[in-house]
Amino acid sequence: MKLYGYWRSSAAYRVRIALNHKGLEAEQLSVHLVKDGGEQHKADYAKLNPQELVPAFIDTDAEGNENEFILSQSLAIIEYLDEKYPEVKLVPDSIHDRALVRSMAMSIACEVHPLNNLKVLQYLAKGLNLDDDAKSAWYHHWIHEGFAALEKQLVKYSGRYCFGDSVTLVDLCLVPQVYNANRFKVNLDAYPNIVRITQNCNQLDAFIDASPENQADAS
């Protein structure tokens, strides 16, 4: 298996946690999102992922032929890993609980994160000529809106982690988003469950090893 990512990419961060949590190894290949205008836009990488985003994931097919199966989008990659390696599951067994976990995870990965990822922030600065204060206000607004809703769900569903006392897909999405929120100096005092769960997750080796500062391309 190969994982193309970038140390600060929230989406790649999620997949690294999933691999670690399942005890799987993948070759980590860095795609620098800023250097030389962004290596994700180079032709060789665009062949792997036409969206020109990270991560991109490569696995062997059933016959062991490398490069036969290429997958993008972090949630799709994690679901694929969860189905192929079900010994350590990231979604519950119950159909209703699985749906709830996916819903909570998507509230982060599909609602909060896309509004605050690199290409959006770059467009705000270069395309709309917003200054740093306006860009920061944009970032903080969408974090607060998303986290306020999630915090209410965590009151109902959380235990040690986002959904009960087992690590699930929600935790894999939450921890990278909190990392970025802290990086952009968002005040998280209003979200005690989010902070508590993140602290619990970050005591686990799977999360520690996947953290941005522990990646080979961290700079």
N, C-alpha and C. Protein backbone atom coordinates (compact mmCIF):
# COMPACT_ATOMS: atom_id res chain seq x y z
N MET A 1 0.83 -1.19 0.00
CA MET A 1 0.00 0.00 0.00
C MET A 1 0.87 1.25 0.00
N LYS A 2 0.37 2.27 -0.66
CA LYS A 2 1.05 3.56 -0.68
C LYS A 2 0.04 4.66 -0.35
N LEU A 3 0.49 5.64 0.42
CA LEU A 3 -0.34 6.78 0.74
C LEU A 3 0.40 8.05 0.37
N TYR A 4 -0.17 8.80 -0.56
CA TYR A 4 0.36 10.11 -0.93
C TYR A 4 -0.34 11.14 -0.05
N GLY A 5 0.45 11.91 0.70
CA GLY A 5 -0.14 12.88 1.61
C GLY A 5 0.79 14.04 1.88
N TYR A 6 0.42 14.82 2.85
CA TYR A 6 1.21 15.98 3.27
C TYR A 6 1.03 16.10 4.78
N TRP A 7 2.07 16.45 5.46
CA TRP A 7 2.06 16.37 6.92
C TRP A 7 0.94 17.16 7.56
N ARG A 8 0.57 18.30 6.98
CA ARG A 8 -0.47 19.14 7.58
C ARG A 8 -1.86 18.89 6.98
N SER A 9 -1.97 18.03 6.03
CA SER A 9 -3.28 17.75 5.43
C SER A 9 -4.18 17.03 6.42
N SER A 10 -5.33 17.62 6.71
CA SER A 10 -6.28 16.97 7.62
C SER A 10 -6.78 15.65 7.05
N ALA A 11 -7.03 15.62 5.75
CA ALA A 11 -7.56 14.42 5.11
C ALA A 11 -6.54 13.28 5.16
N ALA A 12 -5.28 13.59 4.87
CA ALA A 12 -4.24 12.56 4.95
C ALA A 12 -4.03 12.12 6.39
N TYR A 13 -4.14 13.05 7.32
CA TYR A 13 -4.01 12.78 8.76
C TYR A 13 -5.03 11.71 9.17
N ARG A 14 -6.27 11.84 8.70
CA ARG A 14 -7.32 10.86 9.03
C ARG A 14 -6.90 9.46 8.59
N VAL A 15 -6.38 9.37 7.37
CA VAL A 15 -6.02 8.06 6.84
C VAL A 15 -4.83 7.48 7.59
N ARG A 16 -3.88 8.33 7.95
CA ARG A 16 -2.74 7.83 8.75
C ARG A 16 -3.21 7.23 10.07
N ILE A 17 -4.16 7.89 10.72
CA ILE A 17 -4.69 7.35 11.97
C ILE A 17 -5.36 6.00 11.73
N ALA A 18 -6.14 5.91 10.67
CA ALA A 18 -6.83 4.64 10.36
C ALA A 18 -5.84 3.52 10.14
N LEU A 19 -4.80 3.77 9.37
CA LEU A 19 -3.78 2.75 9.12
C LEU A 19 -3.13 2.32 10.43
N ASN A 20 -2.76 3.30 11.25
CA ASN A 20 -2.13 2.97 12.53
C ASN A 20 -3.06 2.19 13.44
N HIS A 21 -4.30 2.63 13.52
CA HIS A 21 -5.27 1.99 14.41
C HIS A 21 -5.49 0.52 14.02
N LYS A 22 -5.41 0.26 12.73
CA LYS A 22 -5.61 -1.10 12.25
C LYS A 22 -4.31 -1.92 12.19
N GLY A 23 -3.19 -1.28 12.53
CA GLY A 23 -1.92 -1.98 12.50
C GLY A 23 -1.43 -2.26 11.09
N LEU A 24 -1.76 -1.39 10.15
CA LEU A 24 -1.38 -1.57 8.75
C LEU A 24 -0.22 -0.65 8.40
N GLU A 25 0.61 -1.09 7.49
CA GLU A 25 1.73 -0.28 7.02
C GLU A 25 1.51 0.13 5.57
N ALA A 26 1.82 1.37 5.29
CA ALA A 26 1.76 1.88 3.93
C ALA A 26 2.98 2.76 3.71
N GLU A 27 3.51 2.72 2.52
CA GLU A 27 4.61 3.62 2.17
C GLU A 27 4.06 5.04 2.10
N GLN A 28 4.69 5.94 2.84
CA GLN A 28 4.22 7.33 2.91
C GLN A 28 5.01 8.17 1.91
N LEU A 29 4.30 8.78 0.97
CA LEU A 29 4.91 9.59 -0.07
C LEU A 29 4.40 11.02 0.05
N SER A 30 5.31 11.95 0.16
CA SER A 30 4.95 13.34 0.42
C SER A 30 4.61 14.09 -0.86
N VAL A 31 3.52 14.83 -0.81
CA VAL A 31 3.13 15.75 -1.88
C VAL A 31 3.05 17.13 -1.23
N HIS A 32 4.04 17.96 -1.47
CA HIS A 32 4.10 19.27 -0.80
C HIS A 32 3.04 20.19 -1.40
N LEU A 33 2.13 20.66 -0.57
CA LEU A 33 0.99 21.42 -1.07
C LEU A 33 1.29 22.89 -1.33
N VAL A 34 2.48 23.34 -0.96
CA VAL A 34 2.80 24.76 -1.12
C VAL A 34 4.00 24.98 -2.03
N LYS A 35 5.02 24.14 -1.89
CA LYS A 35 6.27 24.33 -2.63
C LYS A 35 6.04 24.32 -4.14
N ASP A 36 6.70 25.25 -4.84
CA ASP A 36 6.61 25.35 -6.31
C ASP A 36 5.18 25.44 -6.80
N GLY A 37 4.36 26.16 -6.05
CA GLY A 37 2.97 26.30 -6.46
C GLY A 37 2.09 25.13 -6.10
N GLY A 38 2.66 24.13 -5.42
CA GLY A 38 1.89 22.96 -5.01
C GLY A 38 2.18 21.76 -5.88
N GLU A 39 2.83 20.75 -5.30
CA GLU A 39 3.18 19.56 -6.07
C GLU A 39 1.95 18.75 -6.48
N GLN A 40 0.83 19.01 -5.82
CA GLN A 40 -0.40 18.30 -6.18
C GLN A 40 -0.90 18.67 -7.57
N HIS A 41 -0.38 19.76 -8.12
CA HIS A 41 -0.80 20.20 -9.45
C HIS A 41 0.10 19.68 -10.57
N LYS A 42 1.16 19.00 -10.22
CA LYS A 42 2.07 18.46 -11.23
C LYS A 42 1.41 17.31 -11.99
N ALA A 43 1.79 17.14 -13.23
CA ALA A 43 1.11 16.20 -14.12
C ALA A 43 1.14 14.77 -13.61
N ASP A 44 2.28 14.35 -13.07
CA ASP A 44 2.39 12.96 -12.61
C ASP A 44 1.40 12.68 -11.48
N TYR A 45 1.26 13.63 -10.57
CA TYR A 45 0.34 13.39 -9.46
C TYR A 45 -1.11 13.53 -9.93
N ALA A 46 -1.37 14.45 -10.84
CA ALA A 46 -2.73 14.63 -11.33
C ALA A 46 -3.27 13.38 -12.02
N LYS A 47 -2.37 12.54 -12.54
CA LYS A 47 -2.80 11.27 -13.11
C LYS A 47 -3.36 10.35 -12.03
N LEU A 48 -2.76 10.42 -10.84
CA LEU A 48 -3.24 9.61 -9.72
C LEU A 48 -4.55 10.16 -9.16
N ASN A 49 -4.60 11.46 -9.00
CA ASN A 49 -5.78 12.09 -8.41
C ASN A 49 -6.14 13.33 -9.24
N PRO A 50 -7.08 13.19 -10.17
CA PRO A 50 -7.46 14.32 -11.04
C PRO A 50 -7.97 15.54 -10.28
N GLN A 51 -8.41 15.36 -9.03
CA GLN A 51 -8.82 16.51 -8.23
C GLN A 51 -7.63 17.33 -7.77
N GLU A 52 -6.42 16.76 -7.88
CA GLU A 52 -5.20 17.43 -7.45
C GLU A 52 -5.26 17.81 -5.97
N LEU A 53 -5.68 16.83 -5.19
CA LEU A 53 -5.75 16.95 -3.74
C LEU A 53 -5.05 15.75 -3.11
N VAL A 54 -4.73 15.85 -1.83
CA VAL A 54 -4.28 14.69 -1.08
C VAL A 54 -5.39 14.33 -0.08
N PRO A 55 -5.47 13.04 0.25
CA PRO A 55 -4.56 11.96 -0.11
C PRO A 55 -4.94 11.26 -1.40
N ALA A 56 -3.99 10.46 -1.89
CA ALA A 56 -4.25 9.44 -2.89
C ALA A 56 -3.70 8.14 -2.33
N PHE A 57 -4.42 7.07 -2.57
CA PHE A 57 -4.09 5.78 -1.97
C PHE A 57 -3.98 4.73 -3.07
N ILE A 58 -2.94 3.92 -2.98
CA ILE A 58 -2.74 2.85 -3.96
C ILE A 58 -2.66 1.52 -3.21
N ASP A 59 -3.42 0.56 -3.70
CA ASP A 59 -3.37 -0.78 -3.13
C ASP A 59 -3.21 -1.77 -4.28
N THR A 60 -2.80 -2.98 -3.94
CA THR A 60 -2.72 -4.03 -4.93
C THR A 60 -4.11 -4.60 -5.19
N ASP A 61 -4.30 -5.17 -6.36
CA ASP A 61 -5.57 -5.82 -6.64
C ASP A 61 -5.55 -7.23 -6.06
N ALA A 62 -6.58 -7.99 -6.32
CA ALA A 62 -6.70 -9.33 -5.74
C ALA A 62 -5.56 -10.25 -6.15
N GLU A 63 -4.97 -9.99 -7.33
CA GLU A 63 -3.87 -10.83 -7.81
C GLU A 63 -2.51 -10.28 -7.41
N GLY A 64 -2.51 -9.17 -6.68
CA GLY A 64 -1.25 -8.61 -6.21
C GLY A 64 -0.55 -7.71 -7.20
N ASN A 65 -1.27 -7.23 -8.21
CA ASN A 65 -0.65 -6.33 -9.19
C ASN A 65 -0.68 -4.91 -8.67
N GLU A 66 0.50 -4.33 -8.52
CA GLU A 66 0.59 -2.98 -7.97
C GLU A 66 -0.01 -1.96 -8.93
N ASN A 67 -0.53 -0.88 -8.38
CA ASN A 67 -1.07 0.25 -9.12
C ASN A 67 -2.38 -0.07 -9.83
N GLU A 68 -3.01 -1.20 -9.50
CA GLU A 68 -4.28 -1.54 -10.13
C GLU A 68 -5.45 -0.81 -9.47
N PHE A 69 -5.29 -0.44 -8.22
CA PHE A 69 -6.42 0.19 -7.53
C PHE A 69 -5.95 1.50 -6.91
N ILE A 70 -6.50 2.61 -7.40
CA ILE A 70 -6.15 3.94 -6.92
C ILE A 70 -7.42 4.59 -6.39
N LEU A 71 -7.32 5.15 -5.20
CA LEU A 71 -8.50 5.71 -4.55
C LEU A 71 -8.16 7.06 -3.95
N SER A 72 -9.07 8.01 -4.11
CA SER A 72 -8.93 9.33 -3.48
C SER A 72 -10.08 9.50 -2.49
N GLN A 73 -10.10 10.63 -1.82
CA GLN A 73 -11.08 10.99 -0.80
C GLN A 73 -10.88 10.15 0.47
N SER A 74 -10.54 10.84 1.53
CA SER A 74 -10.13 10.17 2.77
C SER A 74 -11.21 9.26 3.34
N LEU A 75 -12.47 9.69 3.33
CA LEU A 75 -13.51 8.84 3.90
C LEU A 75 -13.69 7.56 3.09
N ALA A 76 -13.58 7.67 1.78
CA ALA A 76 -13.68 6.47 0.93
C ALA A 76 -12.51 5.52 1.20
N ILE A 77 -11.33 6.08 1.39
CA ILE A 77 -10.14 5.25 1.69
C ILE A 77 -10.33 4.54 3.02
N ILE A 78 -10.79 5.27 4.03
CA ILE A 78 -10.97 4.67 5.35
C ILE A 78 -12.06 3.60 5.32
N GLU A 79 -13.16 3.85 4.62
CA GLU A 79 -14.21 2.84 4.49
C GLU A 79 -13.68 1.59 3.79
N TYR A 80 -12.86 1.80 2.78
CA TYR A 80 -12.25 0.68 2.06
C TYR A 80 -11.38 -0.15 3.01
N LEU A 81 -10.54 0.53 3.78
CA LEU A 81 -9.69 -0.17 4.75
C LEU A 81 -10.53 -0.90 5.80
N ASP A 82 -11.63 -0.27 6.21
CA ASP A 82 -12.48 -0.88 7.22
C ASP A 82 -13.14 -2.15 6.71
N GLU A 83 -13.49 -2.17 5.43
CA GLU A 83 -14.11 -3.36 4.86
C GLU A 83 -13.07 -4.44 4.53
N LYS A 84 -11.90 -4.02 4.10
CA LYS A 84 -10.88 -5.00 3.74
C LYS A 84 -10.20 -5.59 4.97
N TYR A 85 -10.08 -4.80 6.03
CA TYR A 85 -9.42 -5.25 7.26
C TYR A 85 -10.38 -5.02 8.43
N PRO A 86 -11.41 -5.86 8.56
CA PRO A 86 -12.48 -5.62 9.55
C PRO A 86 -12.14 -6.06 10.96
N GLU A 87 -10.94 -6.58 11.18
CA GLU A 87 -10.60 -7.07 12.52
C GLU A 87 -10.69 -5.96 13.56
N VAL A 88 -10.30 -4.75 13.19
CA VAL A 88 -10.43 -3.58 14.08
C VAL A 88 -11.33 -2.59 13.36
N LYS A 89 -12.57 -2.52 13.78
CA LYS A 89 -13.57 -1.73 13.05
C LYS A 89 -13.58 -0.27 13.49
N LEU A 90 -13.92 0.58 12.53
CA LEU A 90 -14.05 2.01 12.80
C LEU A 90 -15.49 2.49 12.73
N VAL A 91 -16.41 1.57 12.43
CA VAL A 91 -17.84 1.87 12.51
C VAL A 91 -18.51 0.74 13.30
N PRO A 92 -19.57 1.04 14.03
CA PRO A 92 -20.22 0.02 14.87
C PRO A 92 -20.93 -1.05 14.03
N ASP A 93 -21.37 -2.11 14.71
CA ASP A 93 -22.08 -3.19 14.04
C ASP A 93 -23.53 -2.84 13.74
N SER A 94 -24.17 -2.13 14.63
CA SER A 94 -25.58 -1.79 14.47
C SER A 94 -25.78 -0.85 13.28
N ILE A 95 -26.78 -1.12 12.47
CA ILE A 95 -27.05 -0.29 11.29
C ILE A 95 -27.34 1.16 11.70
N HIS A 96 -28.06 1.34 12.80
CA HIS A 96 -28.38 2.70 13.25
C HIS A 96 -27.14 3.40 13.78
N ASP A 97 -26.33 2.69 14.55
CA ASP A 97 -25.11 3.30 15.09
C ASP A 97 -24.12 3.63 13.97
N ARG A 98 -24.03 2.74 12.98
CA ARG A 98 -23.15 3.03 11.83
C ARG A 98 -23.57 4.32 11.14
N ALA A 99 -24.87 4.46 10.95
CA ALA A 99 -25.38 5.66 10.28
C ALA A 99 -25.09 6.91 11.10
N LEU A 100 -25.24 6.82 12.42
CA LEU A 100 -24.96 7.96 13.28
C LEU A 100 -23.49 8.35 13.24
N VAL A 101 -22.61 7.35 13.30
CA VAL A 101 -21.17 7.60 13.24
C VAL A 101 -20.80 8.27 11.92
N ARG A 102 -21.32 7.75 10.82
CA ARG A 102 -21.01 8.35 9.52
C ARG A 102 -21.55 9.77 9.43
N SER A 103 -22.74 9.99 9.98
CA SER A 103 -23.32 11.34 9.97
C SER A 103 -22.46 12.33 10.73
N MET A 104 -22.00 11.93 11.92
CA MET A 104 -21.16 12.81 12.72
C MET A 104 -19.82 13.06 12.05
N ALA A 105 -19.24 12.01 11.47
CA ALA A 105 -17.97 12.17 10.78
C ALA A 105 -18.11 13.11 9.58
N MET A 106 -19.20 12.95 8.83
CA MET A 106 -19.41 13.79 7.66
C MET A 106 -19.67 15.24 8.02
N SER A 107 -20.23 15.47 9.21
CA SER A 107 -20.45 16.86 9.62
C SER A 107 -19.13 17.62 9.73
N ILE A 108 -18.07 16.89 10.03
CA ILE A 108 -16.73 17.49 10.07
C ILE A 108 -16.09 17.48 8.69
N ALA A 109 -16.04 16.29 8.10
CA ALA A 109 -15.28 16.11 6.85
C ALA A 109 -15.94 16.75 5.64
N CYS A 110 -17.27 16.87 5.66
CA CYS A 110 -17.99 17.39 4.49
C CYS A 110 -18.56 18.79 4.68
N GLU A 111 -18.65 19.24 5.93
CA GLU A 111 -19.21 20.57 6.20
C GLU A 111 -18.16 21.56 6.69
N VAL A 112 -17.40 21.17 7.69
CA VAL A 112 -16.43 22.11 8.28
C VAL A 112 -15.15 22.16 7.47
N HIS A 113 -14.54 21.01 7.26
CA HIS A 113 -13.22 20.97 6.63
C HIS A 113 -13.17 21.59 5.23
N PRO A 114 -14.12 21.30 4.33
CA PRO A 114 -14.00 21.86 2.98
C PRO A 114 -14.00 23.38 2.92
N LEU A 115 -14.64 24.03 3.89
CA LEU A 115 -14.68 25.49 3.89
C LEU A 115 -13.40 26.12 4.41
N ASN A 116 -12.54 25.29 4.98
CA ASN A 116 -11.32 25.82 5.61
C ASN A 116 -10.04 25.17 5.11
N ASN A 117 -10.14 24.41 4.02
CA ASN A 117 -8.91 23.76 3.55
C ASN A 117 -8.06 24.74 2.75
N LEU A 118 -6.89 24.28 2.35
CA LEU A 118 -5.88 25.18 1.77
C LEU A 118 -6.38 25.88 0.52
N LYS A 119 -7.02 25.15 -0.38
CA LYS A 119 -7.39 25.77 -1.66
C LYS A 119 -8.44 26.87 -1.45
N VAL A 120 -9.32 26.70 -0.46
CA VAL A 120 -10.31 27.74 -0.16
C VAL A 120 -9.62 28.96 0.44
N LEU A 121 -8.72 28.75 1.40
CA LEU A 121 -8.02 29.88 2.02
C LEU A 121 -7.17 30.62 1.00
N GLN A 122 -6.55 29.87 0.07
CA GLN A 122 -5.78 30.52 -0.98
C GLN A 122 -6.66 31.36 -1.89
N TYR A 123 -7.86 30.86 -2.20
CA TYR A 123 -8.77 31.61 -3.07
C TYR A 123 -9.27 32.87 -2.37
N LEU A 124 -9.55 32.76 -1.06
CA LEU A 124 -9.98 33.94 -0.32
C LEU A 124 -8.92 35.05 -0.40
N ALA A 125 -7.65 34.65 -0.30
CA ALA A 125 -6.56 35.63 -0.32
C ALA A 125 -6.27 36.13 -1.73
N LYS A 126 -6.11 35.20 -2.67
CA LYS A 126 -5.66 35.58 -4.01
C LYS A 126 -6.81 35.89 -4.97
N GLY A 127 -7.91 35.18 -4.81
CA GLY A 127 -9.04 35.39 -5.72
C GLY A 127 -9.95 36.51 -5.29
N LEU A 128 -10.16 36.66 -3.98
CA LEU A 128 -11.07 37.67 -3.46
C LEU A 128 -10.36 38.80 -2.73
N ASN A 129 -9.03 38.70 -2.64
CA ASN A 129 -8.21 39.76 -2.05
C ASN A 129 -8.57 40.05 -0.59
N LEU A 130 -8.95 39.03 0.14
CA LEU A 130 -9.22 39.23 1.57
C LEU A 130 -7.91 39.29 2.34
N ASP A 131 -7.86 40.18 3.33
CA ASP A 131 -6.65 40.27 4.14
C ASP A 131 -6.66 39.16 5.20
N ASP A 132 -5.60 39.09 5.98
CA ASP A 132 -5.45 38.01 6.95
C ASP A 132 -6.56 38.04 8.01
N ASP A 133 -6.98 39.23 8.43
CA ASP A 133 -8.03 39.32 9.44
C ASP A 133 -9.35 38.78 8.92
N ALA A 134 -9.68 39.12 7.68
CA ALA A 134 -10.93 38.64 7.10
C ALA A 134 -10.87 37.13 6.87
N LYS A 135 -9.72 36.65 6.45
CA LYS A 135 -9.55 35.21 6.23
C LYS A 135 -9.67 34.45 7.55
N SER A 136 -9.10 35.02 8.61
CA SER A 136 -9.19 34.41 9.93
C SER A 136 -10.64 34.39 10.43
N ALA A 137 -11.37 35.47 10.19
CA ALA A 137 -12.78 35.54 10.60
C ALA A 137 -13.59 34.47 9.89
N TRP A 138 -13.32 34.28 8.60
CA TRP A 138 -13.97 33.21 7.84
C TRP A 138 -13.69 31.86 8.48
N TYR A 139 -12.44 31.58 8.74
CA TYR A 139 -12.05 30.29 9.31
C TYR A 139 -12.74 30.05 10.65
N HIS A 140 -12.67 31.03 11.53
CA HIS A 140 -13.24 30.89 12.87
C HIS A 140 -14.76 30.69 12.81
N HIS A 141 -15.42 31.41 11.91
CA HIS A 141 -16.88 31.30 11.80
C HIS A 141 -17.31 29.87 11.52
N TRP A 142 -16.69 29.23 10.55
CA TRP A 142 -17.13 27.89 10.14
C TRP A 142 -16.72 26.83 11.15
N ILE A 143 -15.60 27.03 11.83
CA ILE A 143 -15.24 26.11 12.90
C ILE A 143 -16.28 26.17 14.02
N HIS A 144 -16.62 27.37 14.44
CA HIS A 144 -17.58 27.52 15.54
C HIS A 144 -18.95 26.96 15.16
N GLU A 145 -19.38 27.21 13.94
CA GLU A 145 -20.70 26.71 13.53
C GLU A 145 -20.72 25.18 13.55
N GLY A 146 -19.68 24.57 13.01
CA GLY A 146 -19.63 23.11 12.97
C GLY A 146 -19.42 22.48 14.33
N PHE A 147 -18.53 23.05 15.12
CA PHE A 147 -18.22 22.48 16.43
C PHE A 147 -19.40 22.65 17.41
N ALA A 148 -20.14 23.74 17.29
CA ALA A 148 -21.29 23.95 18.18
C ALA A 148 -22.32 22.84 17.99
N ALA A 149 -22.56 22.46 16.74
CA ALA A 149 -23.51 21.38 16.45
C ALA A 149 -22.96 20.04 16.93
N LEU A 150 -21.69 19.77 16.66
CA LEU A 150 -21.10 18.50 17.07
C LEU A 150 -21.08 18.36 18.59
N GLU A 151 -20.79 19.43 19.28
CA GLU A 151 -20.74 19.38 20.75
C GLU A 151 -22.07 18.90 21.32
N LYS A 152 -23.17 19.34 20.73
CA LYS A 152 -24.49 18.90 21.19
C LYS A 152 -24.67 17.39 20.98
N GLN A 153 -24.18 16.88 19.87
CA GLN A 153 -24.28 15.44 19.62
C GLN A 153 -23.40 14.65 20.59
N LEU A 154 -22.26 15.20 20.92
CA LEU A 154 -21.34 14.50 21.83
C LEU A 154 -21.92 14.39 23.23
N VAL A 155 -22.72 15.37 23.64
CA VAL A 155 -23.39 15.27 24.94
C VAL A 155 -24.24 14.00 24.99
N LYS A 156 -24.83 13.65 23.87
CA LYS A 156 -25.73 12.50 23.81
C LYS A 156 -25.00 11.18 23.56
N TYR A 157 -23.98 11.21 22.70
CA TYR A 157 -23.42 9.95 22.20
C TYR A 157 -22.02 9.62 22.70
N SER A 158 -21.31 10.57 23.23
CA SER A 158 -19.90 10.30 23.55
C SER A 158 -19.74 9.51 24.84
N GLY A 159 -18.60 8.80 24.89
CA GLY A 159 -18.11 8.20 26.12
C GLY A 159 -16.69 8.73 26.27
N ARG A 160 -15.75 7.82 26.28
CA ARG A 160 -14.36 8.26 26.27
C ARG A 160 -14.03 8.90 24.92
N TYR A 161 -14.69 8.43 23.89
CA TYR A 161 -14.46 8.95 22.53
C TYR A 161 -15.78 9.49 21.98
N CYS A 162 -15.80 9.85 20.72
CA CYS A 162 -16.95 10.55 20.17
C CYS A 162 -18.23 9.73 20.21
N PHE A 163 -18.11 8.42 20.00
CA PHE A 163 -19.28 7.55 20.01
C PHE A 163 -18.99 6.38 20.95
N GLY A 164 -19.34 6.57 22.20
CA GLY A 164 -19.08 5.53 23.19
C GLY A 164 -17.61 5.47 23.58
N ASP A 165 -17.16 4.26 23.89
CA ASP A 165 -15.82 4.08 24.44
C ASP A 165 -14.86 3.41 23.46
N SER A 166 -15.21 3.36 22.19
CA SER A 166 -14.33 2.82 21.16
C SER A 166 -14.03 3.89 20.13
N VAL A 167 -12.82 3.88 19.62
CA VAL A 167 -12.44 4.81 18.55
C VAL A 167 -13.25 4.50 17.30
N THR A 168 -13.83 5.53 16.72
CA THR A 168 -14.59 5.38 15.48
C THR A 168 -14.15 6.40 14.44
N LEU A 169 -14.80 6.33 13.31
CA LEU A 169 -14.54 7.26 12.21
C LEU A 169 -14.66 8.72 12.65
N VAL A 170 -15.56 8.99 13.59
CA VAL A 170 -15.75 10.38 14.04
C VAL A 170 -14.47 10.93 14.67
N ASP A 171 -13.83 10.12 15.49
CA ASP A 171 -12.59 10.56 16.15
C ASP A 171 -11.50 10.85 15.14
N LEU A 172 -11.45 10.03 14.07
CA LEU A 172 -10.44 10.22 13.02
C LEU A 172 -10.63 11.54 12.30
N CYS A 173 -11.88 11.99 12.21
CA CYS A 173 -12.15 13.29 11.57
C CYS A 173 -11.97 14.45 12.55
N LEU A 174 -12.34 14.22 13.80
CA LEU A 174 -12.31 15.32 14.78
C LEU A 174 -10.89 15.77 15.11
N VAL A 175 -10.00 14.82 15.40
CA VAL A 175 -8.67 15.20 15.90
C VAL A 175 -7.91 16.08 14.90
N PRO A 176 -7.87 15.75 13.60
CA PRO A 176 -7.19 16.66 12.67
C PRO A 176 -7.84 18.03 12.59
N GLN A 177 -9.18 18.09 12.71
CA GLN A 177 -9.85 19.39 12.64
C GLN A 177 -9.53 20.24 13.86
N VAL A 178 -9.43 19.60 15.02
CA VAL A 178 -9.04 20.34 16.23
C VAL A 178 -7.59 20.81 16.12
N TYR A 179 -6.74 19.95 15.56
CA TYR A 179 -5.35 20.36 15.35
C TYR A 179 -5.29 21.66 14.54
N ASN A 180 -6.07 21.71 13.47
CA ASN A 180 -6.07 22.92 12.64
C ASN A 180 -6.71 24.10 13.35
N ALA A 181 -7.77 23.84 14.11
CA ALA A 181 -8.40 24.93 14.86
C ALA A 181 -7.41 25.55 15.85
N ASN A 182 -6.64 24.70 16.52
CA ASN A 182 -5.61 25.23 17.43
C ASN A 182 -4.54 25.99 16.67
N ARG A 183 -4.19 25.48 15.51
CA ARG A 183 -3.18 26.16 14.68
C ARG A 183 -3.63 27.56 14.31
N PHE A 184 -4.93 27.72 14.06
CA PHE A 184 -5.47 29.03 13.67
C PHE A 184 -6.05 29.78 14.87
N LYS A 185 -5.68 29.32 16.08
CA LYS A 185 -5.99 30.04 17.32
C LYS A 185 -7.49 30.25 17.54
N VAL A 186 -8.27 29.21 17.27
CA VAL A 186 -9.70 29.24 17.57
C VAL A 186 -9.90 28.90 19.05
N ASN A 187 -10.66 29.71 19.75
CA ASN A 187 -10.94 29.45 21.16
C ASN A 187 -11.97 28.32 21.26
N LEU A 188 -11.58 27.23 21.92
CA LEU A 188 -12.43 26.05 22.01
C LEU A 188 -13.06 25.87 23.39
N ASP A 189 -13.07 26.92 24.20
CA ASP A 189 -13.60 26.81 25.55
C ASP A 189 -15.07 26.39 25.58
N ALA A 190 -15.81 26.70 24.54
CA ALA A 190 -17.25 26.39 24.50
C ALA A 190 -17.52 24.94 24.17
N TYR A 191 -16.46 24.16 23.91
CA TYR A 191 -16.64 22.78 23.44
C TYR A 191 -15.87 21.80 24.33
N PRO A 192 -16.30 21.66 25.59
CA PRO A 192 -15.53 20.81 26.52
C PRO A 192 -15.46 19.35 26.10
N ASN A 193 -16.51 18.83 25.48
CA ASN A 193 -16.46 17.43 25.04
C ASN A 193 -15.50 17.23 23.88
N ILE A 194 -15.49 18.18 22.96
CA ILE A 194 -14.54 18.11 21.85
C ILE A 194 -13.12 18.13 22.37
N VAL A 195 -12.83 19.02 23.30
CA VAL A 195 -11.48 19.12 23.87
C VAL A 195 -11.13 17.85 24.64
N ARG A 196 -12.06 17.36 25.45
CA ARG A 196 -11.81 16.17 26.26
C ARG A 196 -11.53 14.95 25.38
N ILE A 197 -12.34 14.74 24.38
CA ILE A 197 -12.18 13.58 23.50
C ILE A 197 -10.89 13.67 22.71
N THR A 198 -10.56 14.85 22.25
CA THR A 198 -9.31 15.03 21.52
C THR A 198 -8.12 14.68 22.40
N GLN A 199 -8.16 15.12 23.65
CA GLN A 199 -7.08 14.78 24.58
C GLN A 199 -6.99 13.28 24.80
N ASN A 200 -8.13 12.60 24.92
CA ASN A 200 -8.14 11.15 25.08
C ASN A 200 -7.55 10.45 23.86
N CYS A 201 -7.94 10.89 22.68
CA CYS A 201 -7.42 10.29 21.45
C CYS A 201 -5.92 10.48 21.34
N ASN A 202 -5.46 11.65 21.70
CA ASN A 202 -4.05 11.97 21.53
C ASN A 202 -3.14 11.30 22.56
N GLN A 203 -3.72 10.46 23.40
CA GLN A 203 -2.92 9.60 24.28
C GLN A 203 -2.65 8.24 23.65
N LEU A 204 -3.30 7.96 22.52
CA LEU A 204 -3.17 6.67 21.85
C LEU A 204 -2.05 6.71 20.82
N ASP A 205 -1.29 5.63 20.73
CA ASP A 205 -0.16 5.57 19.80
C ASP A 205 -0.59 5.81 18.36
N ALA A 206 -1.76 5.30 18.00
CA ALA A 206 -2.22 5.46 16.61
C ALA A 206 -2.35 6.93 16.23
N PHE A 207 -2.79 7.74 17.17
CA PHE A 207 -2.95 9.17 16.92
C PHE A 207 -1.62 9.90 17.05
N ILE A 208 -0.83 9.52 18.04
CA ILE A 208 0.47 10.16 18.24
C ILE A 208 1.36 9.97 17.01
N ASP A 209 1.44 8.74 16.53
CA ASP A 209 2.30 8.45 15.39
C ASP A 209 1.82 9.14 14.11
N ALA A 210 0.51 9.39 14.03
CA ALA A 210 -0.05 10.02 12.83
C ALA A 210 0.01 11.55 12.88
N SER A 211 0.37 12.12 14.02
CA SER A 211 0.31 13.58 14.17
C SER A 211 1.26 14.27 13.20
N PRO A 212 0.88 15.46 12.75
CA PRO A 212 1.67 16.15 11.72
C PRO A 212 3.16 16.27 12.05
N GLU A 213 3.48 16.65 13.29
CA GLU A 213 4.89 16.88 13.63
C GLU A 213 5.72 15.60 13.60
N ASN A 214 5.07 14.45 13.61
CA ASN A 214 5.80 13.19 13.59
C ASN A 214 5.97 12.61 12.19
N GLN A 215 5.64 13.40 11.18
CA GLN A 215 5.79 12.92 9.79
C GLN A 215 7.15 13.32 9.22
N ALA A 216 7.63 12.50 8.33
CA ALA A 216 8.97 12.70 7.76
C ALA A 216 9.09 14.02 7.00
N ASP A 217 7.97 14.50 6.43
CA ASP A 217 8.04 15.74 5.64
C ASP A 217 7.66 16.97 6.45
N ALA A 218 7.52 16.84 7.77
CA ALA A 218 7.17 17.99 8.61
C ALA A 218 8.23 19.06 8.52
N SER A 219 7.80 20.28 8.33
CA SER A 219 8.76 21.39 8.22
C SER A 219 8.09 22.69 8.63
